[in-house]
Amino acid sequence: MAHRRAVDRARSEQASTNRDLAVATRSAETDFDQVTDTVVNRLEAEQVRRCLGSLTELQRESITLAYYGGYTYPEVASLLDAKLPAIKARMRDGLVRLRDCLGIAGKW
């Protein structure tokens, strides 16, 4: 009986050590991934800001209201006191220029 208890105790200790190692490994990977994600997000945000700066004022204003302000096309047209087709054309042209500046392949 003492032998069985000793074996159970040894297995319990080993399982505890394995759990601690697994948690430590996951924690280290998560920290690295968070740092990497933060850096990548900042670089992408800076690239988007730079590319937004290359747009005309009308395109930038329309896209900023729609994507950062959360406004719909009709709301953007109302805010800028412009016709809806003009806003759609501005945004389409601006998005094409952003796509080209950001180097994103494919069609929108």
Protein backbone atom coordinates (compact mmCIF):
# COMPACT_ATOMS: atom_id res chain seq x y z
CA MET A 1 0.00 0.00 0.00
CA ALA A 2 2.86 2.37 0.80
CA HIS A 3 4.35 1.65 -2.63
CA ARG A 4 1.10 2.60 -4.37
CA ARG A 5 0.88 5.86 -2.42
CA ALA A 6 4.47 6.67 -3.31
CA VAL A 7 3.77 6.01 -7.00
CA ASP A 8 0.61 8.16 -6.86
CA ARG A 9 2.56 10.96 -5.18
CA ALA A 10 5.35 10.80 -7.78
CA ARG A 11 2.83 10.87 -10.64
CA SER A 12 1.01 13.79 -9.03
CA GLU A 13 4.26 15.77 -8.71
CA GLN A 14 5.16 15.03 -12.34
CA ALA A 15 1.70 16.10 -13.54
CA SER A 16 2.00 19.33 -11.56
CA THR A 17 5.42 20.05 -13.08
CA ASN A 18 4.09 19.34 -16.58
CA ARG A 19 1.16 21.73 -16.03
CA ASP A 20 3.47 24.48 -14.79
CA LEU A 21 5.73 24.08 -17.81
CA ALA A 22 2.77 24.13 -20.20
CA VAL A 23 1.41 27.34 -18.64
CA ALA A 24 4.83 28.98 -18.73
CA THR A 25 5.31 28.04 -22.38
CA ARG A 26 1.89 29.39 -23.39
CA SER A 27 2.48 32.58 -21.42
CA ALA A 28 5.83 33.21 -23.11
CA GLU A 29 4.36 32.63 -26.57
CA THR A 30 1.39 34.91 -25.86
CA ASP A 31 3.64 37.74 -24.70
CA PHE A 32 5.76 37.46 -27.84
CA ASP A 33 2.69 37.32 -30.06
CA GLN A 34 1.20 40.37 -28.36
CA VAL A 35 4.36 42.38 -28.91
CA THR A 36 4.57 41.27 -32.53
CA ASP A 37 0.90 42.07 -33.12
CA THR A 38 1.28 45.50 -31.55
CA VAL A 39 4.27 46.35 -33.72
CA VAL A 40 2.59 45.08 -36.89
CA ASN A 41 -0.61 47.01 -36.10
CA ARG A 42 1.33 50.22 -35.52
CA LEU A 43 3.27 49.83 -38.76
CA GLU A 44 0.08 49.14 -40.70
CA ALA A 45 -1.67 52.13 -39.10
CA GLU A 46 1.26 54.38 -40.02
CA GLN A 47 1.18 53.10 -43.60
CA VAL A 48 -2.58 53.76 -43.83
CA ARG A 49 -2.09 57.31 -42.46
CA ARG A 50 0.66 57.92 -44.99
CA CYS A 51 -1.51 56.64 -47.82
CA LEU A 52 -4.50 58.67 -46.64
CA GLY A 53 -2.24 61.70 -46.88
CA SER A 54 -1.69 60.99 -50.56
CA LEU A 55 -5.42 61.31 -51.35
CA THR A 56 -7.17 64.51 -52.33
CA GLU A 57 -8.84 66.38 -49.48
CA LEU A 58 -12.30 65.41 -50.76
CA GLN A 59 -11.41 61.73 -50.98
CA ARG A 60 -9.72 61.69 -47.59
CA GLU A 61 -12.62 63.49 -45.92
CA SER A 62 -15.21 61.14 -47.42
CA ILE A 63 -13.29 57.98 -46.53
CA THR A 64 -12.46 59.20 -43.03
CA LEU A 65 -16.11 59.97 -42.28
CA ALA A 66 -17.27 56.61 -43.62
CA TYR A 67 -14.60 54.29 -42.19
CA TYR A 68 -13.47 56.07 -39.04
CA GLY A 69 -16.67 57.98 -38.30
CA GLY A 70 -18.99 55.08 -39.09
CA TYR A 71 -21.24 57.11 -41.39
CA THR A 72 -23.12 55.63 -44.33
CA TYR A 73 -22.78 56.96 -47.88
CA PRO A 74 -26.00 59.01 -47.60
CA GLU A 75 -24.88 60.42 -44.23
CA VAL A 76 -21.48 61.38 -45.65
CA ALA A 77 -23.22 63.08 -48.59
CA SER A 78 -25.43 65.01 -46.18
CA LEU A 79 -22.53 66.03 -43.93
CA LEU A 80 -20.44 67.22 -46.88
CA ASP A 81 -23.43 68.79 -48.63
CA ALA A 82 -22.76 66.81 -51.79
CA LYS A 83 -24.77 64.51 -54.01
CA LEU A 84 -24.67 60.79 -53.23
CA PRO A 85 -23.20 59.75 -56.63
CA ALA A 86 -20.37 62.25 -56.17
CA ILE A 87 -19.55 60.84 -52.71
CA LYS A 88 -19.59 57.27 -54.05
CA ALA A 89 -17.25 58.25 -56.88
CA ARG A 90 -14.88 60.05 -54.50
CA MET A 91 -14.76 57.10 -52.18
CA ARG A 92 -14.32 54.56 -54.97
CA ASP A 93 -11.45 56.54 -56.48
CA GLY A 94 -9.92 57.11 -53.05
CA LEU A 95 -10.15 53.43 -52.14
CA VAL A 96 -8.50 52.46 -55.42
CA ARG A 97 -5.66 54.86 -54.67
CA LEU A 98 -5.37 53.47 -51.14
CA ARG A 99 -5.26 49.93 -52.50
CA ASP A 100 -2.48 50.86 -54.89
CA CYS A 101 -0.55 52.76 -52.20
CA LEU A 102 -0.85 49.90 -49.71
CA GLY A 103 0.12 47.35 -52.35
CA ILE A 104 -2.98 45.23 -51.89
CA ALA A 105 -3.61 42.92 -54.84
CA GLY A 106 -7.02 42.04 -56.14
CA LYS A 107 -10.24 43.77 -56.95
CA TRP A 108 -12.52 45.73 -54.67
